[in-house]
Amino acid sequence: MTTPPDPTTPAVSASPQRPPVRILLCDDHVVVRAGLLALLDSAPDIEVVGEAGTGEKVLALAAKLHPDVVLMDLQLGAGIDGVEATRRLTATDRAPHVLVLTTYDTDADITRAIEAGATGYLLKAERPEELFAAIHAAAQGRTTLSPPVASRVMANMRKPRPSLTDRERDILAQLAQGLGNRDIAKALFISEATVKTHLGRIYGKLGVDTRAGAVAVAKEQRLLP
């Protein structure tokens, strides 16, 4: 015989279901986007609200759709790259969280993305469940790094700061202002050849091969005033 419920016992209400995390996907490879869309559609608590193949389009869609998280590739072909798109997105009102999803794990790429405001940095080799977990973490503003990326970040934190000469610091400071070799040479009263020589040494000490990478690492390691 079934015992009737005790009328004095309060009924337990079901907890409201959390709304899905709204995702805007940005990747310039159509086939990759299609694969990611199929994967994300399999997650009941994730909703893809839009997709973009360029930095310009992701900025326009984000302003219109107001996603919770933008899943951002770094290399987007011509135009605005993923780092610059991240910087602009995170500087807006109602800024979404940006989760980088890329194949690139160089020190310069990681530093530039984090400096631009990325909440997390994930490699495309990660398992689907790791991607889903990272998306939910990003939606809550929590940082998620792929293990290889976390290892590089920790290794860089433990490395002694590179020793730059006064002249190299001067050139690096000019570089951070966006000056080209000719303008740096004029500002410091040296030849362009001398600027190029110093830049080569700076790149070697910082472990980078681009001007943007040098500035990003210099900021990370507080080598700039």
C-alpha atoms as a PDB file:
ATOM      1  CA  MET A   1       0.000   0.000   0.000  1.00  0.00           C
ATOM      2  CA  THR A   2       1.394   3.387  -0.998  1.00  0.00           C
ATOM      3  CA  THR A   3       1.859   5.851   1.843  1.00  0.00           C
ATOM      4  CA  PRO A   4       0.289   9.231   0.999  1.00  0.00           C
ATOM      5  CA  PRO A   5       2.649  12.190   1.126  1.00  0.00           C
ATOM      6  CA  ASP A   6       2.864  14.125   4.358  1.00  0.00           C
ATOM      7  CA  PRO A   7       1.086  17.454   3.737  1.00  0.00           C
ATOM      8  CA  THR A   8       3.373  19.142   6.270  1.00  0.00           C
ATOM      9  CA  THR A   9       6.467  18.324   4.220  1.00  0.00           C
ATOM     10  CA  PRO A  10       7.292  21.117   1.753  1.00  0.00           C
ATOM     11  CA  ALA A  11       7.535  20.053  -1.858  1.00  0.00           C
ATOM     12  CA  VAL A  12      11.023  20.123  -3.358  1.00  0.00           C
ATOM     13  CA  SER A  13      11.003  22.308  -6.444  1.00  0.00           C
ATOM     14  CA  ALA A  14      13.208  21.379  -9.345  1.00  0.00           C
ATOM     15  CA  SER A  15      16.222  23.669  -9.749  1.00  0.00           C
ATOM     16  CA  PRO A  16      15.867  25.930 -12.766  1.00  0.00           C
ATOM     17  CA  GLN A  17      17.921  24.840 -15.722  1.00  0.00           C
ATOM     18  CA  ARG A  18      20.764  27.163 -16.574  1.00  0.00           C
ATOM     19  CA  PRO A  19      20.485  28.840 -19.978  1.00  0.00           C
ATOM     20  CA  PRO A  20      23.004  27.585 -22.529  1.00  0.00           C
ATOM     21  CA  VAL A  21      26.252  29.450 -23.073  1.00  0.00           C
ATOM     22  CA  ARG A  22      25.851  31.561 -26.206  1.00  0.00           C
ATOM     23  CA  ILE A  23      28.847  31.156 -28.510  1.00  0.00           C
ATOM     24  CA  LEU A  24      30.094  33.211 -31.432  1.00  0.00           C
ATOM     25  CA  LEU A  25      32.584  31.202 -33.490  1.00  0.00           C
ATOM     26  CA  CYS A  26      35.401  32.851 -35.447  1.00  0.00           C
ATOM     27  CA  ASP A  27      37.686  30.796 -37.721  1.00  0.00           C
ATOM     28  CA  ASP A  28      38.709  31.562 -41.283  1.00  0.00           C
ATOM     29  CA  HIS A  29      38.663  27.904 -42.418  1.00  0.00           C
ATOM     30  CA  VAL A  30      35.196  26.878 -43.587  1.00  0.00           C
ATOM     31  CA  VAL A  31      35.817  23.167 -43.018  1.00  0.00           C
ATOM     32  CA  VAL A  32      37.120  23.779 -39.491  1.00  0.00           C
ATOM     33  CA  ARG A  33      34.104  25.957 -38.702  1.00  0.00           C
ATOM     34  CA  ALA A  34      31.752  23.256 -39.960  1.00  0.00           C
ATOM     35  CA  GLY A  35      33.435  20.652 -37.753  1.00  0.00           C
ATOM     36  CA  LEU A  36      33.303  22.913 -34.711  1.00  0.00           C
ATOM     37  CA  LEU A  37      29.649  23.748 -35.343  1.00  0.00           C
ATOM     38  CA  ALA A  38      28.751  20.059 -35.485  1.00  0.00           C
ATOM     39  CA  LEU A  39      30.720  19.399 -32.308  1.00  0.00           C
ATOM     40  CA  LEU A  40      29.237  22.315 -30.369  1.00  0.00           C
ATOM     41  CA  ASP A  41      25.717  21.444 -31.516  1.00  0.00           C
ATOM     42  CA  SER A  42      26.127  18.107 -29.743  1.00  0.00           C
ATOM     43  CA  ALA A  43      26.433  19.884 -26.391  1.00  0.00           C
ATOM     44  CA  PRO A  44      22.957  20.626 -24.975  1.00  0.00           C
ATOM     45  CA  ASP A  45      24.204  23.479 -22.790  1.00  0.00           C
ATOM     46  CA  ILE A  46      26.019  25.372 -25.566  1.00  0.00           C
ATOM     47  CA  GLU A  47      24.303  27.402 -28.286  1.00  0.00           C
ATOM     48  CA  VAL A  48      26.150  28.746 -31.326  1.00  0.00           C
ATOM     49  CA  VAL A  49      24.514  32.064 -32.183  1.00  0.00           C
ATOM     50  CA  GLY A  50      26.758  33.031 -35.088  1.00  0.00           C
ATOM     51  CA  GLU A  51      29.914  32.331 -37.056  1.00  0.00           C
ATOM     52  CA  ALA A  52      32.516  34.523 -38.703  1.00  0.00           C
ATOM     53  CA  GLY A  53      35.516  33.996 -40.927  1.00  0.00           C
ATOM     54  CA  THR A  54      37.192  37.393 -40.476  1.00  0.00           C
ATOM     55  CA  GLY A  55      38.072  39.731 -37.657  1.00  0.00           C
ATOM     56  CA  GLU A  56      35.875  42.447 -39.101  1.00  0.00           C
ATOM     57  CA  LYS A  57      32.832  40.174 -39.251  1.00  0.00           C
ATOM     58  CA  VAL A  58      33.262  38.835 -35.720  1.00  0.00           C
ATOM     59  CA  LEU A  59      33.323  42.406 -34.379  1.00  0.00           C
ATOM     60  CA  ALA A  60      30.136  43.265 -36.259  1.00  0.00           C
ATOM     61  CA  LEU A  61      28.336  40.096 -35.156  1.00  0.00           C
ATOM     62  CA  ALA A  62      29.421  40.467 -31.530  1.00  0.00           C
ATOM     63  CA  ALA A  63      27.964  43.988 -31.420  1.00  0.00           C
ATOM     64  CA  LYS A  64      24.682  42.630 -32.782  1.00  0.00           C
ATOM     65  CA  LEU A  65      24.372  39.250 -31.031  1.00  0.00           C
ATOM     66  CA  HIS A  66      26.032  39.916 -27.640  1.00  0.00           C
ATOM     67  CA  PRO A  67      27.411  36.370 -27.132  1.00  0.00           C
ATOM     68  CA  ASP A  68      28.665  35.117 -23.779  1.00  0.00           C
ATOM     69  CA  VAL A  69      31.866  33.728 -25.291  1.00  0.00           C
ATOM     70  CA  VAL A  70      33.685  34.294 -28.571  1.00  0.00           C
ATOM     71  CA  LEU A  71      35.652  31.239 -29.691  1.00  0.00           C
ATOM     72  CA  MET A  72      38.547  32.899 -31.495  1.00  0.00           C
ATOM     73  CA  ASP A  73      41.207  31.621 -33.864  1.00  0.00           C
ATOM     74  CA  LEU A  74      44.375  33.718 -34.039  1.00  0.00           C
ATOM     75  CA  GLN A  75      45.209  33.592 -37.743  1.00  0.00           C
ATOM     76  CA  LEU A  76      42.353  35.001 -39.821  1.00  0.00           C
ATOM     77  CA  GLY A  77      44.010  35.748 -43.142  1.00  0.00           C
ATOM     78  CA  ALA A  78      43.943  39.303 -44.465  1.00  0.00           C
ATOM     79  CA  GLY A  79      42.556  42.072 -42.290  1.00  0.00           C
ATOM     80  CA  ILE A  80      42.196  42.093 -38.516  1.00  0.00           C
ATOM     81  CA  ASP A  81      43.810  39.081 -36.850  1.00  0.00           C
ATOM     82  CA  GLY A  82      42.480  37.236 -33.839  1.00  0.00           C
ATOM     83  CA  VAL A  83      44.618  39.169 -31.360  1.00  0.00           C
ATOM     84  CA  GLU A  84      43.457  42.571 -32.574  1.00  0.00           C
ATOM     85  CA  ALA A  85      39.850  41.356 -32.730  1.00  0.00           C
ATOM     86  CA  THR A  86      40.207  40.143 -29.135  1.00  0.00           C
ATOM     87  CA  ARG A  87      41.601  43.499 -28.045  1.00  0.00           C
ATOM     88  CA  ARG A  88      38.683  45.371 -29.618  1.00  0.00           C
ATOM     89  CA  LEU A  89      36.063  42.960 -28.310  1.00  0.00           C
ATOM     90  CA  THR A  90      37.253  43.103 -24.717  1.00  0.00           C
ATOM     91  CA  ALA A  91      37.325  46.903 -24.806  1.00  0.00           C
ATOM     92  CA  THR A  92      33.618  47.217 -25.665  1.00  0.00           C
ATOM     93  CA  ASP A  93      30.579  47.646 -23.453  1.00  0.00           C
ATOM     94  CA  ARG A  94      29.005  44.287 -22.566  1.00  0.00           C
ATOM     95  CA  ALA A  95      32.295  42.729 -23.638  1.00  0.00           C
ATOM     96  CA  PRO A  96      32.133  38.975 -24.209  1.00  0.00           C
ATOM     97  CA  HIS A  97      34.749  36.645 -22.849  1.00  0.00           C
ATOM     98  CA  VAL A  98      37.180  35.503 -25.523  1.00  0.00           C
ATOM     99  CA  LEU A  99      38.447  31.927 -25.571  1.00  0.00           C
ATOM    100  CA  VAL A 100      41.294  31.470 -28.031  1.00  0.00           C
ATOM    101  CA  LEU A 101      41.134  28.184 -29.941  1.00  0.00           C
ATOM    102  CA  THR A 102      44.168  27.780 -32.157  1.00  0.00           C
ATOM    103  CA  THR A 103      46.975  25.525 -33.324  1.00  0.00           C
ATOM    104  CA  TYR A 104      49.653  28.065 -32.398  1.00  0.00           C
ATOM    105  CA  ASP A 105      51.386  27.849 -29.026  1.00  0.00           C
ATOM    106  CA  THR A 106      54.453  30.054 -29.406  1.00  0.00           C
ATOM    107  CA  ASP A 107      55.415  32.314 -26.521  1.00  0.00           C
ATOM    108  CA  ALA A 108      54.709  35.401 -28.623  1.00  0.00           C
ATOM    109  CA  ASP A 109      51.213  34.235 -29.649  1.00  0.00           C
ATOM    110  CA  ILE A 110      50.265  33.293 -26.093  1.00  0.00           C
ATOM    111  CA  THR A 111      51.572  36.569 -24.681  1.00  0.00           C
ATOM    112  CA  ARG A 112      49.860  38.714 -27.302  1.00  0.00           C
ATOM    113  CA  ALA A 113      46.505  36.965 -26.822  1.00  0.00           C
ATOM    114  CA  ILE A 114      46.601  37.254 -23.039  1.00  0.00           C
ATOM    115  CA  GLU A 115      47.723  40.887 -23.241  1.00  0.00           C
ATOM    116  CA  ALA A 116      44.777  41.541 -25.575  1.00  0.00           C
ATOM    117  CA  GLY A 117      42.362  40.298 -22.914  1.00  0.00           C
ATOM    118  CA  ALA A 118      41.706  36.653 -23.793  1.00  0.00           C
ATOM    119  CA  THR A 119      40.104  34.757 -20.915  1.00  0.00           C
ATOM    120  CA  GLY A 120      41.527  31.388 -21.985  1.00  0.00           C
ATOM    121  CA  TYR A 121      43.882  29.819 -24.510  1.00  0.00           C
ATOM    122  CA  LEU A 122      43.074  26.369 -25.853  1.00  0.00           C
ATOM    123  CA  LEU A 123      44.750  24.274 -28.537  1.00  0.00           C
ATOM    124  CA  LYS A 124      42.676  22.584 -31.233  1.00  0.00           C
ATOM    125  CA  ALA A 125      44.210  19.229 -30.311  1.00  0.00           C
ATOM    126  CA  GLU A 126      42.256  19.166 -27.031  1.00  0.00           C
ATOM    127  CA  ARG A 127      39.464  16.614 -26.516  1.00  0.00           C
ATOM    128  CA  PRO A 128      35.846  17.773 -27.003  1.00  0.00           C
ATOM    129  CA  GLU A 129      35.053  17.505 -23.299  1.00  0.00           C
ATOM    130  CA  GLU A 130      38.000  19.790 -22.532  1.00  0.00           C
ATOM    131  CA  LEU A 131      36.683  22.320 -25.026  1.00  0.00           C
ATOM    132  CA  PHE A 132      33.197  22.199 -23.501  1.00  0.00           C
ATOM    133  CA  ALA A 133      34.621  22.661 -19.997  1.00  0.00           C
ATOM    134  CA  ALA A 134      36.775  25.578 -21.167  1.00  0.00           C
ATOM    135  CA  ILE A 135      33.758  27.269 -22.759  1.00  0.00           C
ATOM    136  CA  HIS A 136      31.785  27.068 -19.507  1.00  0.00           C
ATOM    137  CA  ALA A 137      34.803  28.304 -17.548  1.00  0.00           C
ATOM    138  CA  ALA A 138      35.239  31.230 -19.948  1.00  0.00           C
ATOM    139  CA  ALA A 139      31.540  32.127 -19.645  1.00  0.00           C
ATOM    140  CA  GLN A 140      32.120  32.495 -15.899  1.00  0.00           C
ATOM    141  CA  GLY A 141      35.265  34.552 -16.415  1.00  0.00           C
ATOM    142  CA  ARG A 142      37.604  31.775 -15.284  1.00  0.00           C
ATOM    143  CA  THR A 143      40.894  31.200 -17.065  1.00  0.00           C
ATOM    144  CA  THR A 144      41.565  27.917 -18.845  1.00  0.00           C
ATOM    145  CA  LEU A 145      44.861  27.066 -20.518  1.00  0.00           C
ATOM    146  CA  SER A 146      45.759  23.928 -22.449  1.00  0.00           C
ATOM    147  CA  PRO A 147      48.431  21.984 -20.518  1.00  0.00           C
ATOM    148  CA  PRO A 148      51.190  22.786 -23.050  1.00  0.00           C
ATOM    149  CA  VAL A 149      50.246  26.462 -22.907  1.00  0.00           C
ATOM    150  CA  ALA A 150      50.175  26.470 -19.093  1.00  0.00           C
ATOM    151  CA  SER A 151      53.606  24.824 -19.067  1.00  0.00           C
ATOM    152  CA  ARG A 152      55.026  27.517 -21.346  1.00  0.00           C
ATOM    153  CA  VAL A 153      53.513  30.280 -19.237  1.00  0.00           C
ATOM    154  CA  MET A 154      54.982  28.807 -16.055  1.00  0.00           C
ATOM    155  CA  ALA A 155      58.364  28.257 -17.699  1.00  0.00           C
ATOM    156  CA  ASN A 156      58.443  31.863 -18.850  1.00  0.00           C
ATOM    157  CA  MET A 157      57.576  33.063 -15.364  1.00  0.00           C
ATOM    158  CA  ARG A 158      60.481  31.092 -13.931  1.00  0.00           C
ATOM    159  CA  LYS A 159      62.971  32.283 -16.541  1.00  0.00           C
ATOM    160  CA  PRO A 160      65.299  35.078 -15.495  1.00  0.00           C
ATOM    161  CA  ARG A 161      64.515  38.328 -17.225  1.00  0.00           C
ATOM    162  CA  PRO A 162      66.726  38.889 -20.290  1.00  0.00           C
ATOM    163  CA  SER A 163      69.491  41.395 -19.858  1.00  0.00           C
ATOM    164  CA  LEU A 164      69.177  44.226 -22.384  1.00  0.00           C
ATOM    165  CA  THR A 165      71.683  47.006 -22.905  1.00  0.00           C
ATOM    166  CA  ASP A 166      70.586  50.625 -22.475  1.00  0.00           C
ATOM    167  CA  ARG A 167      70.616  51.069 -26.256  1.00  0.00           C
ATOM    168  CA  GLU A 168      68.496  47.947 -26.752  1.00  0.00           C
ATOM    169  CA  ARG A 169      66.001  49.255 -24.206  1.00  0.00           C
ATOM    170  CA  ASP A 170      65.875  52.581 -26.025  1.00  0.00           C
ATOM    171  CA  ILE A 171      65.143  50.838 -29.318  1.00  0.00           C
ATOM    172  CA  LEU A 172      62.561  48.583 -27.688  1.00  0.00           C
ATOM    173  CA  ALA A 173      60.788  51.630 -26.243  1.00  0.00           C
ATOM    174  CA  GLN A 174      60.661  53.221 -29.697  1.00  0.00           C
ATOM    175  CA  LEU A 175      59.412  49.933 -31.117  1.00  0.00           C
ATOM    176  CA  ALA A 176      56.579  49.891 -28.593  1.00  0.00           C
ATOM    177  CA  GLN A 177      55.444  53.280 -29.930  1.00  0.00           C
ATOM    178  CA  GLY A 178      55.015  51.737 -33.375  1.00  0.00           C
ATOM    179  CA  LEU A 179      58.005  53.431 -35.018  1.00  0.00           C
ATOM    180  CA  GLY A 180      59.707  51.894 -38.025  1.00  0.00           C
ATOM    181  CA  ASN A 181      63.453  51.425 -38.381  1.00  0.00           C
ATOM    182  CA  ARG A 182      63.977  54.758 -40.156  1.00  0.00           C
ATOM    183  CA  ASP A 183      62.092  56.736 -37.503  1.00  0.00           C
ATOM    184  CA  ILE A 184      63.894  54.906 -34.698  1.00  0.00           C
ATOM    185  CA  ALA A 185      67.229  55.738 -36.315  1.00  0.00           C
ATOM    186  CA  LYS A 186      66.279  59.434 -36.525  1.00  0.00           C
ATOM    187  CA  ALA A 187      65.005  59.533 -32.953  1.00  0.00           C
ATOM    188  CA  LEU A 188      68.159  57.945 -31.549  1.00  0.00           C
ATOM    189  CA  PHE A 189      70.641  59.571 -33.991  1.00  0.00           C
ATOM    190  CA  ILE A 190      71.960  56.246 -35.272  1.00  0.00           C
ATOM    191  CA  SER A 191      71.924  54.516 -38.646  1.00  0.00           C
ATOM    192  CA  GLU A 192      69.187  52.160 -39.843  1.00  0.00           C
ATOM    193  CA  ALA A 193      71.815  49.423 -40.113  1.00  0.00           C
ATOM    194  CA  THR A 194      72.590  49.870 -36.419  1.00  0.00           C
ATOM    195  CA  VAL A 195      68.879  49.664 -35.593  1.00  0.00           C
ATOM    196  CA  LYS A 196      68.596  46.392 -37.531  1.00  0.00           C
ATOM    197  CA  THR A 197      71.621  44.971 -35.713  1.00  0.00           C
ATOM    198  CA  HIS A 198      70.167  45.833 -32.314  1.00  0.00           C
ATOM    199  CA  LEU A 199      66.746  44.454 -33.294  1.00  0.00           C
ATOM    200  CA  GLY A 200      68.353  41.142 -34.198  1.00  0.00           C
ATOM    201  CA  ARG A 201      69.967  40.971 -30.768  1.00  0.00           C
ATOM    202  CA  ILE A 202      66.707  41.973 -29.048  1.00  0.00           C
ATOM    203  CA  TYR A 203      64.777  39.258 -30.897  1.00  0.00           C
ATOM    204  CA  GLY A 204      67.373  36.684 -29.910  1.00  0.00           C
ATOM    205  CA  LYS A 205      67.310  37.644 -26.231  1.00  0.00           C
ATOM    206  CA  LEU A 206      63.508  37.700 -26.069  1.00  0.00           C
ATOM    207  CA  GLY A 207      63.040  34.512 -28.094  1.00  0.00           C
ATOM    208  CA  VAL A 208      60.816  36.105 -30.742  1.00  0.00           C
ATOM    209  CA  ASP A 209      61.019  36.791 -34.454  1.00  0.00           C
ATOM    210  CA  THR A 210      58.602  39.692 -34.946  1.00  0.00           C
ATOM    211  CA  ARG A 211      58.299  43.288 -33.765  1.00  0.00           C
ATOM    212  CA  ALA A 212      54.887  42.606 -32.206  1.00  0.00           C
ATOM    213  CA  GLY A 213      56.299  39.585 -30.419  1.00  0.00           C
ATOM    214  CA  ALA A 214      59.189  41.612 -29.020  1.00  0.00           C
ATOM    215  CA  VAL A 215      56.855  44.285 -27.656  1.00  0.00           C
ATOM    216  CA  ALA A 216      54.480  41.693 -26.178  1.00  0.00           C
ATOM    217  CA  VAL A 217      57.268  39.817 -24.370  1.00  0.00           C
ATOM    218  CA  ALA A 218      58.822  43.086 -23.202  1.00  0.00           C
ATOM    219  CA  LYS A 219      55.506  44.144 -21.656  1.00  0.00           C
ATOM    220  CA  GLU A 220      54.984  40.741 -20.079  1.00  0.00           C
ATOM    221  CA  GLN A 221      58.412  40.804 -18.488  1.00  0.00           C
ATOM    222  CA  ARG A 222      58.166  44.493 -17.573  1.00  0.00           C
ATOM    223  CA  LEU A 223      61.123  45.518 -19.689  1.00  0.00           C
ATOM    224  CA  LEU A 224      59.369  48.678 -20.809  1.00  0.00           C
ATOM    225  CA  PRO A 225      58.781  51.755 -18.644  1.00  0.00           C
END
